[in-house]
Amino acid sequence: MIWNLSTTALLVPLLMVLIILASAFLDNNVGYSEQPITYLTFGIVISSEFYYIWLHMRFVQEREDDLKARQRMQIMLSQIQPHFLYGTWAP
């Protein structure tokens, strides 16, 4: 696998929490009370989209790894099966 899952599994949620905390801080200190869209709303939407994309990339990578493993298994089986067929068959 390309990613070190233990590192990214910790960094992605931490990054999302930091984005949400920063947007809440901006709402309290910089934002106006009459804003139609707050920084917090924007931060939650961005974090959700980022998390969805990250999960999708992990799913695609795991799927590719699974397909590669299946292809290797099929190649090994195709090499083993003729050996047993021709090695045990006697006319």
C-alpha atoms as a PDB file:
ATOM      1  CA  MET A   1       0.000   0.000   0.000  1.00  0.00           C
ATOM      2  CA  ILE A   2       1.242   3.477  -0.838  1.00  0.00           C
ATOM      3  CA  TRP A   3       0.106   5.191   2.347  1.00  0.00           C
ATOM      4  CA  ASN A   4       1.305   4.559   5.846  1.00  0.00           C
ATOM      5  CA  LEU A   5      -2.164   4.017   7.227  1.00  0.00           C
ATOM      6  CA  SER A   6      -1.281   4.598  10.851  1.00  0.00           C
ATOM      7  CA  THR A   7       0.066   8.089  10.115  1.00  0.00           C
ATOM      8  CA  THR A   8      -2.697   9.201   7.770  1.00  0.00           C
ATOM      9  CA  ALA A   9      -5.385   7.603   9.919  1.00  0.00           C
ATOM     10  CA  LEU A  10      -4.327   9.978  12.693  1.00  0.00           C
ATOM     11  CA  LEU A  11      -3.597  13.069  10.627  1.00  0.00           C
ATOM     12  CA  VAL A  12      -6.820  13.255   8.619  1.00  0.00           C
ATOM     13  CA  PRO A  13      -9.225  13.447  11.598  1.00  0.00           C
ATOM     14  CA  LEU A  14      -6.833  15.795  13.379  1.00  0.00           C
ATOM     15  CA  LEU A  15      -6.754  18.093  10.344  1.00  0.00           C
ATOM     16  CA  MET A  16     -10.544  18.098  10.158  1.00  0.00           C
ATOM     17  CA  VAL A  17     -10.871  18.963  13.843  1.00  0.00           C
ATOM     18  CA  LEU A  18      -8.381  21.798  13.380  1.00  0.00           C
ATOM     19  CA  ILE A  19     -10.349  23.150  10.410  1.00  0.00           C
ATOM     20  CA  ILE A  20     -13.591  23.089  12.419  1.00  0.00           C
ATOM     21  CA  LEU A  21     -11.952  24.705  15.472  1.00  0.00           C
ATOM     22  CA  ALA A  22     -10.362  27.410  13.316  1.00  0.00           C
ATOM     23  CA  SER A  23     -13.696  28.150  11.656  1.00  0.00           C
ATOM     24  CA  ALA A  24     -15.441  28.337  15.038  1.00  0.00           C
ATOM     25  CA  PHE A  25     -12.735  30.742  16.223  1.00  0.00           C
ATOM     26  CA  LEU A  26     -13.253  32.881  13.112  1.00  0.00           C
ATOM     27  CA  ASP A  27     -17.015  32.934  13.736  1.00  0.00           C
ATOM     28  CA  ASN A  28     -16.535  34.205  17.281  1.00  0.00           C
ATOM     29  CA  ASN A  29     -13.815  36.762  16.575  1.00  0.00           C
ATOM     30  CA  VAL A  30     -14.096  37.867  12.956  1.00  0.00           C
ATOM     31  CA  GLY A  31     -17.556  36.942  11.747  1.00  0.00           C
ATOM     32  CA  TYR A  32     -20.525  39.230  11.645  1.00  0.00           C
ATOM     33  CA  SER A  33     -23.799  38.220  13.240  1.00  0.00           C
ATOM     34  CA  GLU A  34     -25.778  38.755  10.028  1.00  0.00           C
ATOM     35  CA  GLN A  35     -23.762  36.386   7.820  1.00  0.00           C
ATOM     36  CA  PRO A  36     -25.920  34.022   5.747  1.00  0.00           C
ATOM     37  CA  ILE A  37     -23.156  31.379   5.777  1.00  0.00           C
ATOM     38  CA  THR A  38     -20.863  31.169   8.755  1.00  0.00           C
ATOM     39  CA  TYR A  39     -17.255  30.073   8.836  1.00  0.00           C
ATOM     40  CA  LEU A  40     -18.269  27.071  10.918  1.00  0.00           C
ATOM     41  CA  THR A  41     -20.725  25.899   8.270  1.00  0.00           C
ATOM     42  CA  PHE A  42     -18.059  26.310   5.626  1.00  0.00           C
ATOM     43  CA  GLY A  43     -15.506  24.438   7.778  1.00  0.00           C
ATOM     44  CA  ILE A  44     -17.853  21.512   8.382  1.00  0.00           C
ATOM     45  CA  VAL A  45     -18.710  21.230   4.686  1.00  0.00           C
ATOM     46  CA  ILE A  46     -15.037  21.351   3.657  1.00  0.00           C
ATOM     47  CA  SER A  47     -14.100  18.775   6.317  1.00  0.00           C
ATOM     48  CA  SER A  48     -16.884  16.442   5.236  1.00  0.00           C
ATOM     49  CA  GLU A  49     -15.910  16.643   1.579  1.00  0.00           C
ATOM     50  CA  PHE A  50     -12.239  16.131   2.382  1.00  0.00           C
ATOM     51  CA  TYR A  51     -13.050  13.088   4.529  1.00  0.00           C
ATOM     52  CA  TYR A  52     -15.262  11.609   1.800  1.00  0.00           C
ATOM     53  CA  ILE A  53     -12.520  12.042  -0.796  1.00  0.00           C
ATOM     54  CA  TRP A  54      -9.947  10.516   1.566  1.00  0.00           C
ATOM     55  CA  LEU A  55     -12.184   7.493   2.249  1.00  0.00           C
ATOM     56  CA  HIS A  56     -12.839   7.057  -1.460  1.00  0.00           C
ATOM     57  CA  MET A  57      -9.107   7.129  -2.232  1.00  0.00           C
ATOM     58  CA  ARG A  58      -8.485   4.509   0.478  1.00  0.00           C
ATOM     59  CA  PHE A  59     -11.249   2.326  -0.960  1.00  0.00           C
ATOM     60  CA  VAL A  60      -9.838   2.590  -4.480  1.00  0.00           C
ATOM     61  CA  GLN A  61      -6.329   1.763  -3.267  1.00  0.00           C
ATOM     62  CA  GLU A  62      -7.543  -1.272  -1.307  1.00  0.00           C
ATOM     63  CA  ARG A  63      -9.542  -2.425  -4.325  1.00  0.00           C
ATOM     64  CA  GLU A  64      -6.471  -2.150  -6.562  1.00  0.00           C
ATOM     65  CA  ASP A  65      -4.384  -4.074  -4.027  1.00  0.00           C
ATOM     66  CA  ASP A  66      -7.042  -6.780  -3.893  1.00  0.00           C
ATOM     67  CA  LEU A  67      -7.156  -7.045  -7.685  1.00  0.00           C
ATOM     68  CA  LYS A  68      -3.358  -7.316  -7.866  1.00  0.00           C
ATOM     69  CA  ALA A  69      -3.383 -10.079  -5.248  1.00  0.00           C
ATOM     70  CA  ARG A  70      -6.082 -11.977  -7.162  1.00  0.00           C
ATOM     71  CA  GLN A  71      -4.141 -11.653 -10.415  1.00  0.00           C
ATOM     72  CA  ARG A  72      -0.989 -12.983  -8.754  1.00  0.00           C
ATOM     73  CA  MET A  73      -3.001 -15.887  -7.341  1.00  0.00           C
ATOM     74  CA  GLN A  74      -4.440 -16.702 -10.761  1.00  0.00           C
ATOM     75  CA  ILE A  75      -0.983 -16.601 -12.340  1.00  0.00           C
ATOM     76  CA  MET A  76       0.425 -18.927  -9.678  1.00  0.00           C
ATOM     77  CA  LEU A  77      -2.504 -21.329 -10.032  1.00  0.00           C
ATOM     78  CA  SER A  78      -2.166 -21.382 -13.807  1.00  0.00           C
ATOM     79  CA  GLN A  79       1.501 -22.300 -13.427  1.00  0.00           C
ATOM     80  CA  ILE A  80       0.854 -24.987 -10.791  1.00  0.00           C
ATOM     81  CA  GLN A  81      -2.118 -26.756 -12.377  1.00  0.00           C
ATOM     82  CA  PRO A  82      -0.400 -27.924 -15.592  1.00  0.00           C
ATOM     83  CA  HIS A  83       2.480 -29.264 -13.523  1.00  0.00           C
ATOM     84  CA  PHE A  84       0.167 -31.508 -11.510  1.00  0.00           C
ATOM     85  CA  LEU A  85      -1.860 -32.513 -14.556  1.00  0.00           C
ATOM     86  CA  TYR A  86       1.113 -33.606 -16.612  1.00  0.00           C
ATOM     87  CA  GLY A  87       3.152 -34.943 -13.691  1.00  0.00           C
ATOM     88  CA  THR A  88       0.499 -37.376 -12.449  1.00  0.00           C
ATOM     89  CA  TRP A  89      -1.022 -38.516 -15.717  1.00  0.00           C
ATOM     90  CA  ALA A  90       0.484 -41.662 -17.149  1.00  0.00           C
ATOM     91  CA  PRO A  91      -0.774 -43.282 -20.380  1.00  0.00           C
END
